[in-house]
Amino acid sequence: MINKNLVIDNFRENFDSLIFIRGIEYLNSNCIKKLEISHNEEMKVKITGKISGTYDYNVSMFFDFKNSKFSELNCDCPYYDNCKHEVALGLKFIDLLENLTKNPDLNYNENQEKKSIYKTKQNNIKNNFLKKQEKFNPENFQIVINCD
């Protein structure tokens, strides 16, 4: 089981406190337009998204389930360091993780085609990713959430 407070504390270490607060404001104002989660390697996922700000910005990061930490945070906005767009996407992912651990119901089909995409709402995502990690093939696992 994921400890949400530990994950948030680990994530917060990547940011200046003012940037973190601004990222929370972005999260709460529904600036996240798209969130994708792809299995990257054992116990690690790649998170990508589109965040609406002055322009639409592409954000990516990795989350490692072994140590409950984020890494390789990237955004194409002009800010020189880890930014509010990354905060918003990371916190959205953490909220999603919390829902995953509380809601094991997911229409998971092990016979999906290699390029299959799971399109679903946030509250019905994927506890099976946590429970059935060993059954996922990195080449055929992807979650796409359009947040519009």
N, C-alpha and C. Protein backbone atom coordinates (compact mmCIF):
# COMPACT_ATOMS: atom_id res chain seq x y z
N MET A 1 0.84 -1.18 0.00
CA MET A 1 0.00 0.00 0.00
C MET A 1 0.89 1.24 0.00
N ILE A 2 0.46 2.23 -0.73
CA ILE A 2 1.19 3.50 -0.85
C ILE A 2 0.83 4.40 0.33
N ASN A 3 1.85 4.99 0.94
CA ASN A 3 1.64 5.97 2.01
C ASN A 3 1.59 7.35 1.36
N LYS A 4 0.38 7.90 1.20
CA LYS A 4 0.21 9.17 0.50
C LYS A 4 1.03 10.29 1.12
N ASN A 5 1.06 10.39 2.44
CA ASN A 5 1.82 11.47 3.09
C ASN A 5 3.31 11.37 2.79
N LEU A 6 3.84 10.14 2.79
CA LEU A 6 5.25 9.95 2.46
C LEU A 6 5.53 10.35 1.02
N VAL A 7 4.64 9.96 0.11
CA VAL A 7 4.81 10.30 -1.31
C VAL A 7 4.80 11.82 -1.49
N ILE A 8 3.85 12.50 -0.85
CA ILE A 8 3.78 13.96 -0.96
C ILE A 8 5.03 14.61 -0.36
N ASP A 9 5.47 14.13 0.80
CA ASP A 9 6.68 14.69 1.41
C ASP A 9 7.90 14.51 0.51
N ASN A 10 8.04 13.31 -0.06
CA ASN A 10 9.15 13.06 -0.99
C ASN A 10 9.06 13.96 -2.21
N PHE A 11 7.86 14.15 -2.72
CA PHE A 11 7.65 14.98 -3.91
C PHE A 11 7.95 16.45 -3.61
N ARG A 12 7.50 16.91 -2.48
CA ARG A 12 7.67 18.32 -2.08
C ARG A 12 9.14 18.72 -2.00
N GLU A 13 10.02 17.77 -1.70
CA GLU A 13 11.46 18.06 -1.60
C GLU A 13 12.05 18.59 -2.90
N ASN A 14 11.37 18.37 -4.03
CA ASN A 14 11.87 18.81 -5.33
C ASN A 14 11.59 20.28 -5.64
N PHE A 15 10.86 20.98 -4.75
CA PHE A 15 10.34 22.30 -5.10
C PHE A 15 10.57 23.33 -4.01
N ASP A 16 10.71 24.57 -4.44
CA ASP A 16 10.66 25.72 -3.55
C ASP A 16 9.23 25.79 -3.00
N SER A 17 9.05 26.24 -1.77
CA SER A 17 7.72 26.23 -1.15
C SER A 17 6.72 27.11 -1.91
N LEU A 18 7.14 28.25 -2.43
CA LEU A 18 6.23 29.12 -3.19
C LEU A 18 5.78 28.43 -4.48
N ILE A 19 6.70 27.78 -5.16
CA ILE A 19 6.36 27.05 -6.39
C ILE A 19 5.38 25.92 -6.06
N PHE A 20 5.59 25.24 -4.95
CA PHE A 20 4.70 24.14 -4.57
C PHE A 20 3.28 24.66 -4.34
N ILE A 21 3.17 25.79 -3.65
CA ILE A 21 1.85 26.40 -3.41
C ILE A 21 1.18 26.80 -4.72
N ARG A 22 1.95 27.38 -5.63
CA ARG A 22 1.39 27.77 -6.93
C ARG A 22 0.95 26.54 -7.73
N GLY A 23 1.68 25.45 -7.58
CA GLY A 23 1.28 24.20 -8.24
C GLY A 23 -0.03 23.66 -7.70
N ILE A 24 -0.22 23.79 -6.39
CA ILE A 24 -1.50 23.39 -5.78
C ILE A 24 -2.63 24.23 -6.35
N GLU A 25 -2.39 25.52 -6.52
CA GLU A 25 -3.40 26.40 -7.12
C GLU A 25 -3.73 25.95 -8.54
N TYR A 26 -2.72 25.56 -9.31
CA TYR A 26 -2.96 25.06 -10.67
C TYR A 26 -3.80 23.78 -10.62
N LEU A 27 -3.46 22.89 -9.72
CA LEU A 27 -4.22 21.65 -9.58
C LEU A 27 -5.68 21.95 -9.27
N ASN A 28 -5.90 22.85 -8.33
CA ASN A 28 -7.27 23.18 -7.90
C ASN A 28 -8.06 23.97 -8.93
N SER A 29 -7.37 24.59 -9.88
CA SER A 29 -8.09 25.37 -10.91
C SER A 29 -8.24 24.58 -12.21
N ASN A 30 -8.04 23.26 -12.12
CA ASN A 30 -8.28 22.37 -13.26
C ASN A 30 -7.47 22.73 -14.50
N CYS A 31 -6.21 23.02 -14.31
CA CYS A 31 -5.33 23.35 -15.43
C CYS A 31 -4.75 22.12 -16.11
N ILE A 32 -4.98 20.94 -15.54
CA ILE A 32 -4.44 19.72 -16.14
C ILE A 32 -5.39 19.28 -17.25
N LYS A 33 -4.87 19.27 -18.47
CA LYS A 33 -5.70 18.94 -19.63
C LYS A 33 -5.57 17.48 -20.05
N LYS A 34 -4.43 16.85 -19.71
CA LYS A 34 -4.23 15.45 -20.08
C LYS A 34 -3.22 14.84 -19.13
N LEU A 35 -3.46 13.59 -18.79
CA LEU A 35 -2.54 12.83 -17.93
C LEU A 35 -2.39 11.44 -18.53
N GLU A 36 -1.17 11.03 -18.75
CA GLU A 36 -0.88 9.70 -19.26
C GLU A 36 0.08 9.01 -18.30
N ILE A 37 -0.18 7.75 -18.04
CA ILE A 37 0.69 6.95 -17.19
C ILE A 37 1.06 5.71 -17.99
N SER A 38 2.35 5.51 -18.18
CA SER A 38 2.83 4.36 -18.94
C SER A 38 3.82 3.58 -18.10
N HIS A 39 3.70 2.27 -18.12
CA HIS A 39 4.66 1.43 -17.41
C HIS A 39 6.01 1.58 -18.09
N ASN A 40 7.04 1.86 -17.31
CA ASN A 40 8.36 2.12 -17.87
C ASN A 40 9.31 0.95 -17.62
N GLU A 41 9.40 0.52 -16.41
CA GLU A 41 10.21 -0.63 -16.04
C GLU A 41 9.65 -1.18 -14.75
N GLU A 42 10.26 -2.24 -14.24
CA GLU A 42 9.71 -2.88 -13.04
C GLU A 42 9.50 -1.85 -11.93
N MET A 43 8.25 -1.75 -11.48
CA MET A 43 7.85 -0.89 -10.36
C MET A 43 8.09 0.60 -10.63
N LYS A 44 8.15 1.00 -11.89
CA LYS A 44 8.36 2.40 -12.23
C LYS A 44 7.42 2.77 -13.37
N VAL A 45 6.80 3.97 -13.28
CA VAL A 45 5.93 4.44 -14.34
C VAL A 45 6.40 5.81 -14.82
N LYS A 46 6.08 6.10 -16.08
CA LYS A 46 6.33 7.42 -16.64
C LYS A 46 4.99 8.15 -16.66
N ILE A 47 5.00 9.38 -16.16
CA ILE A 47 3.80 10.21 -16.10
C ILE A 47 4.03 11.39 -17.03
N THR A 48 3.12 11.59 -17.97
CA THR A 48 3.21 12.75 -18.85
C THR A 48 1.88 13.47 -18.84
N GLY A 49 1.91 14.74 -19.15
CA GLY A 49 0.67 15.49 -19.17
C GLY A 49 0.79 16.80 -19.89
N LYS A 50 -0.35 17.39 -20.11
CA LYS A 50 -0.45 18.72 -20.70
C LYS A 50 -1.12 19.61 -19.67
N ILE A 51 -0.43 20.70 -19.32
CA ILE A 51 -0.92 21.63 -18.32
C ILE A 51 -1.16 22.98 -18.99
N SER A 52 -2.32 23.55 -18.76
CA SER A 52 -2.68 24.83 -19.35
C SER A 52 -2.21 25.95 -18.43
N GLY A 53 -1.42 26.85 -18.97
CA GLY A 53 -0.96 28.03 -18.25
C GLY A 53 -1.07 29.20 -19.20
N THR A 54 -0.03 30.01 -19.25
CA THR A 54 0.02 31.05 -20.26
C THR A 54 -0.11 30.40 -21.64
N TYR A 55 0.53 29.27 -21.80
CA TYR A 55 0.41 28.39 -22.96
C TYR A 55 0.15 27.00 -22.43
N ASP A 56 0.00 26.03 -23.31
CA ASP A 56 -0.07 24.64 -22.89
C ASP A 56 1.35 24.12 -22.78
N TYR A 57 1.68 23.50 -21.63
CA TYR A 57 3.02 23.00 -21.39
C TYR A 57 2.99 21.49 -21.25
N ASN A 58 4.01 20.85 -21.80
CA ASN A 58 4.17 19.41 -21.70
C ASN A 58 5.07 19.09 -20.52
N VAL A 59 4.58 18.20 -19.66
CA VAL A 59 5.28 17.85 -18.43
C VAL A 59 5.49 16.34 -18.41
N SER A 60 6.64 15.92 -17.90
CA SER A 60 6.89 14.49 -17.74
C SER A 60 7.70 14.24 -16.47
N MET A 61 7.55 13.05 -15.93
CA MET A 61 8.29 12.64 -14.74
C MET A 61 8.14 11.13 -14.59
N PHE A 62 8.94 10.56 -13.73
CA PHE A 62 8.86 9.14 -13.42
C PHE A 62 8.51 8.98 -11.95
N PHE A 63 7.78 7.90 -11.64
CA PHE A 63 7.50 7.56 -10.26
C PHE A 63 7.94 6.14 -10.01
N ASP A 64 8.71 5.95 -8.95
CA ASP A 64 9.24 4.64 -8.57
C ASP A 64 8.46 4.14 -7.35
N PHE A 65 7.75 3.04 -7.52
CA PHE A 65 6.94 2.48 -6.44
C PHE A 65 7.80 1.89 -5.32
N LYS A 66 9.03 1.49 -5.64
CA LYS A 66 9.91 0.89 -4.62
C LYS A 66 10.26 1.88 -3.52
N ASN A 67 10.58 3.12 -3.92
CA ASN A 67 11.00 4.10 -2.92
C ASN A 67 10.02 5.26 -2.78
N SER A 68 8.87 5.18 -3.46
CA SER A 68 7.83 6.22 -3.40
C SER A 68 8.37 7.60 -3.75
N LYS A 69 9.23 7.65 -4.78
CA LYS A 69 9.84 8.92 -5.17
C LYS A 69 9.66 9.20 -6.65
N PHE A 70 9.62 10.49 -6.96
CA PHE A 70 9.58 10.98 -8.33
C PHE A 70 11.00 11.27 -8.79
N SER A 71 11.23 11.19 -10.09
CA SER A 71 12.54 11.54 -10.65
C SER A 71 12.35 12.09 -12.06
N GLU A 72 13.40 12.68 -12.58
CA GLU A 72 13.44 13.20 -13.95
C GLU A 72 12.25 14.08 -14.29
N LEU A 73 11.99 15.07 -13.44
CA LEU A 73 10.89 16.01 -13.67
C LEU A 73 11.28 16.97 -14.79
N ASN A 74 10.40 17.11 -15.78
CA ASN A 74 10.67 17.98 -16.92
C ASN A 74 9.41 18.72 -17.32
N CYS A 75 9.60 19.98 -17.72
CA CYS A 75 8.50 20.78 -18.26
C CYS A 75 9.10 21.68 -19.34
N ASP A 76 8.32 21.93 -20.40
CA ASP A 76 8.85 22.79 -21.46
C ASP A 76 8.49 24.27 -21.27
N CYS A 77 8.07 24.65 -20.07
CA CYS A 77 7.83 26.06 -19.79
C CYS A 77 9.19 26.77 -19.63
N PRO A 78 9.19 28.10 -19.67
CA PRO A 78 10.47 28.82 -19.60
C PRO A 78 11.10 28.92 -18.20
N TYR A 79 10.42 28.43 -17.15
CA TYR A 79 10.98 28.53 -15.81
C TYR A 79 12.26 27.70 -15.72
N TYR A 80 13.25 28.19 -15.04
CA TYR A 80 14.59 27.59 -15.04
C TYR A 80 14.75 26.38 -14.11
N ASP A 81 13.79 26.10 -13.27
CA ASP A 81 13.92 25.03 -12.27
C ASP A 81 12.62 24.23 -12.25
N ASN A 82 12.50 23.31 -11.31
CA ASN A 82 11.24 22.57 -11.19
C ASN A 82 10.10 23.56 -10.97
N CYS A 83 8.99 23.35 -11.65
CA CYS A 83 7.97 24.39 -11.76
C CYS A 83 6.60 23.96 -11.23
N LYS A 84 5.68 24.92 -11.22
CA LYS A 84 4.32 24.71 -10.73
C LYS A 84 3.56 23.71 -11.61
N HIS A 85 3.90 23.62 -12.89
CA HIS A 85 3.23 22.67 -13.79
C HIS A 85 3.55 21.24 -13.38
N GLU A 86 4.82 21.02 -12.99
CA GLU A 86 5.23 19.71 -12.51
C GLU A 86 4.54 19.38 -11.19
N VAL A 87 4.42 20.37 -10.32
CA VAL A 87 3.71 20.16 -9.05
C VAL A 87 2.28 19.71 -9.32
N ALA A 88 1.58 20.42 -10.20
CA ALA A 88 0.17 20.10 -10.48
C ALA A 88 0.03 18.68 -11.00
N LEU A 89 0.88 18.30 -11.96
CA LEU A 89 0.78 16.95 -12.53
C LEU A 89 1.13 15.89 -11.49
N GLY A 90 2.19 16.11 -10.72
CA GLY A 90 2.58 15.15 -9.70
C GLY A 90 1.51 14.95 -8.65
N LEU A 91 0.91 16.04 -8.21
CA LEU A 91 -0.16 15.94 -7.19
C LEU A 91 -1.39 15.25 -7.75
N LYS A 92 -1.69 15.49 -9.02
CA LYS A 92 -2.81 14.80 -9.66
C LYS A 92 -2.54 13.29 -9.69
N PHE A 93 -1.31 12.92 -10.00
CA PHE A 93 -0.93 11.51 -10.00
C PHE A 93 -1.05 10.93 -8.59
N ILE A 94 -0.62 11.67 -7.58
CA ILE A 94 -0.73 11.18 -6.20
C ILE A 94 -2.19 10.98 -5.81
N ASP A 95 -3.07 11.91 -6.20
CA ASP A 95 -4.50 11.72 -5.96
C ASP A 95 -5.00 10.45 -6.64
N LEU A 96 -4.52 10.24 -7.85
CA LEU A 96 -4.89 9.05 -8.61
C LEU A 96 -4.42 7.78 -7.89
N LEU A 97 -3.21 7.81 -7.36
CA LEU A 97 -2.69 6.66 -6.60
C LEU A 97 -3.58 6.35 -5.41
N GLU A 98 -4.00 7.39 -4.73
CA GLU A 98 -4.88 7.19 -3.57
C GLU A 98 -6.17 6.51 -4.00
N ASN A 99 -6.73 6.94 -5.12
CA ASN A 99 -7.96 6.32 -5.64
C ASN A 99 -7.71 4.88 -6.07
N LEU A 100 -6.54 4.62 -6.61
CA LEU A 100 -6.21 3.27 -7.04
C LEU A 100 -6.21 2.30 -5.87
N THR A 101 -5.61 2.73 -4.78
CA THR A 101 -5.50 1.83 -3.64
C THR A 101 -6.83 1.64 -2.92
N LYS A 102 -7.76 2.58 -3.11
CA LYS A 102 -9.07 2.47 -2.47
C LYS A 102 -10.09 1.77 -3.35
N ASN A 103 -9.89 1.77 -4.67
CA ASN A 103 -10.89 1.28 -5.61
C ASN A 103 -10.29 0.20 -6.50
N PRO A 104 -10.43 -1.07 -6.12
CA PRO A 104 -9.83 -2.14 -6.92
C PRO A 104 -10.60 -2.47 -8.20
N ASP A 105 -11.74 -1.85 -8.42
CA ASP A 105 -12.54 -2.17 -9.60
C ASP A 105 -11.96 -1.50 -10.83
N LEU A 106 -11.60 -2.31 -11.80
CA LEU A 106 -11.12 -1.80 -13.08
C LEU A 106 -11.42 -2.83 -14.14
N ASN A 107 -11.82 -2.38 -15.27
CA ASN A 107 -12.06 -3.29 -16.38
C ASN A 107 -10.73 -3.64 -17.02
N TYR A 108 -10.01 -4.54 -16.41
CA TYR A 108 -8.69 -4.93 -16.90
C TYR A 108 -8.83 -6.19 -17.73
N ASN A 109 -8.34 -6.14 -18.94
CA ASN A 109 -8.42 -7.27 -19.85
C ASN A 109 -6.99 -7.67 -20.22
N GLU A 110 -6.55 -8.84 -19.78
CA GLU A 110 -5.19 -9.27 -20.04
C GLU A 110 -4.95 -9.62 -21.51
N ASN A 111 -5.98 -9.70 -22.30
CA ASN A 111 -5.84 -10.03 -23.70
C ASN A 111 -5.90 -8.80 -24.60
N GLN A 112 -5.68 -7.63 -24.04
CA GLN A 112 -5.71 -6.40 -24.85
C GLN A 112 -4.63 -6.44 -25.92
N GLU A 113 -4.86 -5.74 -27.02
CA GLU A 113 -3.86 -5.62 -28.06
C GLU A 113 -2.64 -4.87 -27.54
N LYS A 114 -1.53 -5.04 -28.20
CA LYS A 114 -0.27 -4.44 -27.75
C LYS A 114 -0.36 -2.94 -27.56
N LYS A 115 -1.04 -2.23 -28.40
CA LYS A 115 -1.13 -0.78 -28.32
C LYS A 115 -2.43 -0.31 -27.66
N SER A 116 -3.06 -1.15 -26.89
CA SER A 116 -4.34 -0.78 -26.30
C SER A 116 -4.19 0.39 -25.33
N ILE A 117 -5.25 1.16 -25.22
CA ILE A 117 -5.27 2.32 -24.33
C ILE A 117 -6.49 2.20 -23.44
N TYR A 118 -6.31 2.43 -22.15
CA TYR A 118 -7.41 2.44 -21.21
C TYR A 118 -7.86 3.88 -21.06
N LYS A 119 -9.06 4.19 -21.48
CA LYS A 119 -9.62 5.52 -21.30
C LYS A 119 -10.69 5.41 -20.24
N THR A 120 -10.55 6.14 -19.18
CA THR A 120 -11.48 6.01 -18.07
C THR A 120 -11.44 7.27 -17.23
N LYS A 121 -12.34 7.39 -16.30
CA LYS A 121 -12.36 8.53 -15.39
C LYS A 121 -11.42 8.28 -14.23
N GLN A 122 -11.01 9.35 -13.59
CA GLN A 122 -10.03 9.28 -12.52
C GLN A 122 -10.42 8.30 -11.42
N ASN A 123 -11.67 8.27 -11.01
CA ASN A 123 -12.06 7.45 -9.87
C ASN A 123 -12.21 5.97 -10.18
N ASN A 124 -11.94 5.56 -11.43
CA ASN A 124 -12.10 4.15 -11.79
C ASN A 124 -10.85 3.68 -12.52
N ILE A 125 -9.67 3.98 -12.00
CA ILE A 125 -8.45 3.74 -12.75
C ILE A 125 -7.88 2.34 -12.56
N LYS A 126 -6.92 2.16 -11.66
CA LYS A 126 -6.19 0.92 -11.75
C LYS A 126 -5.49 0.43 -10.49
N ASN A 127 -6.20 -0.23 -9.62
CA ASN A 127 -5.52 -0.88 -8.51
C ASN A 127 -4.78 -2.12 -9.02
N ASN A 128 -5.26 -2.66 -10.13
CA ASN A 128 -4.59 -3.83 -10.69
C ASN A 128 -3.15 -3.54 -11.05
N PHE A 129 -2.83 -2.29 -11.34
CA PHE A 129 -1.43 -1.96 -11.61
C PHE A 129 -0.58 -2.26 -10.38
N LEU A 130 -1.12 -1.95 -9.22
CA LEU A 130 -0.39 -2.21 -7.99
C LEU A 130 -0.44 -3.69 -7.62
N LYS A 131 -1.61 -4.32 -7.80
CA LYS A 131 -1.78 -5.71 -7.39
C LYS A 131 -1.19 -6.69 -8.40
N LYS A 132 -1.25 -6.37 -9.68
CA LYS A 132 -0.85 -7.30 -10.73
C LYS A 132 0.35 -6.78 -11.51
N GLN A 133 1.22 -6.06 -10.86
CA GLN A 133 2.37 -5.46 -11.52
C GLN A 133 3.12 -6.48 -12.37
N GLU A 134 3.30 -7.67 -11.84
CA GLU A 134 4.09 -8.67 -12.54
C GLU A 134 3.42 -9.16 -13.82
N LYS A 135 2.13 -8.94 -14.00
CA LYS A 135 1.43 -9.41 -15.19
C LYS A 135 1.45 -8.40 -16.33
N PHE A 136 1.93 -7.19 -16.06
CA PHE A 136 1.93 -6.17 -17.09
C PHE A 136 3.16 -6.26 -17.96
N ASN A 137 2.97 -6.14 -19.24
CA ASN A 137 4.06 -6.05 -20.18
C ASN A 137 4.30 -4.57 -20.44
N PRO A 138 5.51 -4.06 -20.24
CA PRO A 138 5.77 -2.64 -20.42
C PRO A 138 5.38 -2.12 -21.80
N GLU A 139 5.32 -3.00 -22.78
CA GLU A 139 5.01 -2.55 -24.13
C GLU A 139 3.51 -2.39 -24.37
N ASN A 140 2.66 -2.86 -23.45
CA ASN A 140 1.23 -2.76 -23.74
C ASN A 140 0.43 -2.13 -22.61
N PHE A 141 1.09 -1.41 -21.72
CA PHE A 141 0.37 -0.79 -20.62
C PHE A 141 0.39 0.71 -20.74
N GLN A 142 -0.79 1.31 -20.76
CA GLN A 142 -0.88 2.76 -20.80
C GLN A 142 -2.26 3.17 -20.29
N ILE A 143 -2.29 4.24 -19.51
CA ILE A 143 -3.53 4.85 -19.09
C ILE A 143 -3.53 6.26 -19.66
N VAL A 144 -4.63 6.65 -20.28
CA VAL A 144 -4.77 8.01 -20.78
C VAL A 144 -6.02 8.60 -20.15
N ILE A 145 -5.85 9.74 -19.52
CA ILE A 145 -6.97 10.43 -18.90
C ILE A 145 -7.06 11.83 -19.52
N ASN A 146 -8.12 12.09 -20.22
CA ASN A 146 -8.35 13.43 -20.73
C ASN A 146 -9.15 14.18 -19.68
N CYS A 147 -8.59 15.27 -19.20
CA CYS A 147 -9.17 15.98 -18.06
C CYS A 147 -10.04 17.16 -18.47
N ASP A 148 -10.31 17.32 -19.74
CA ASP A 148 -11.15 18.44 -20.19
C ASP A 148 -12.58 18.25 -19.76
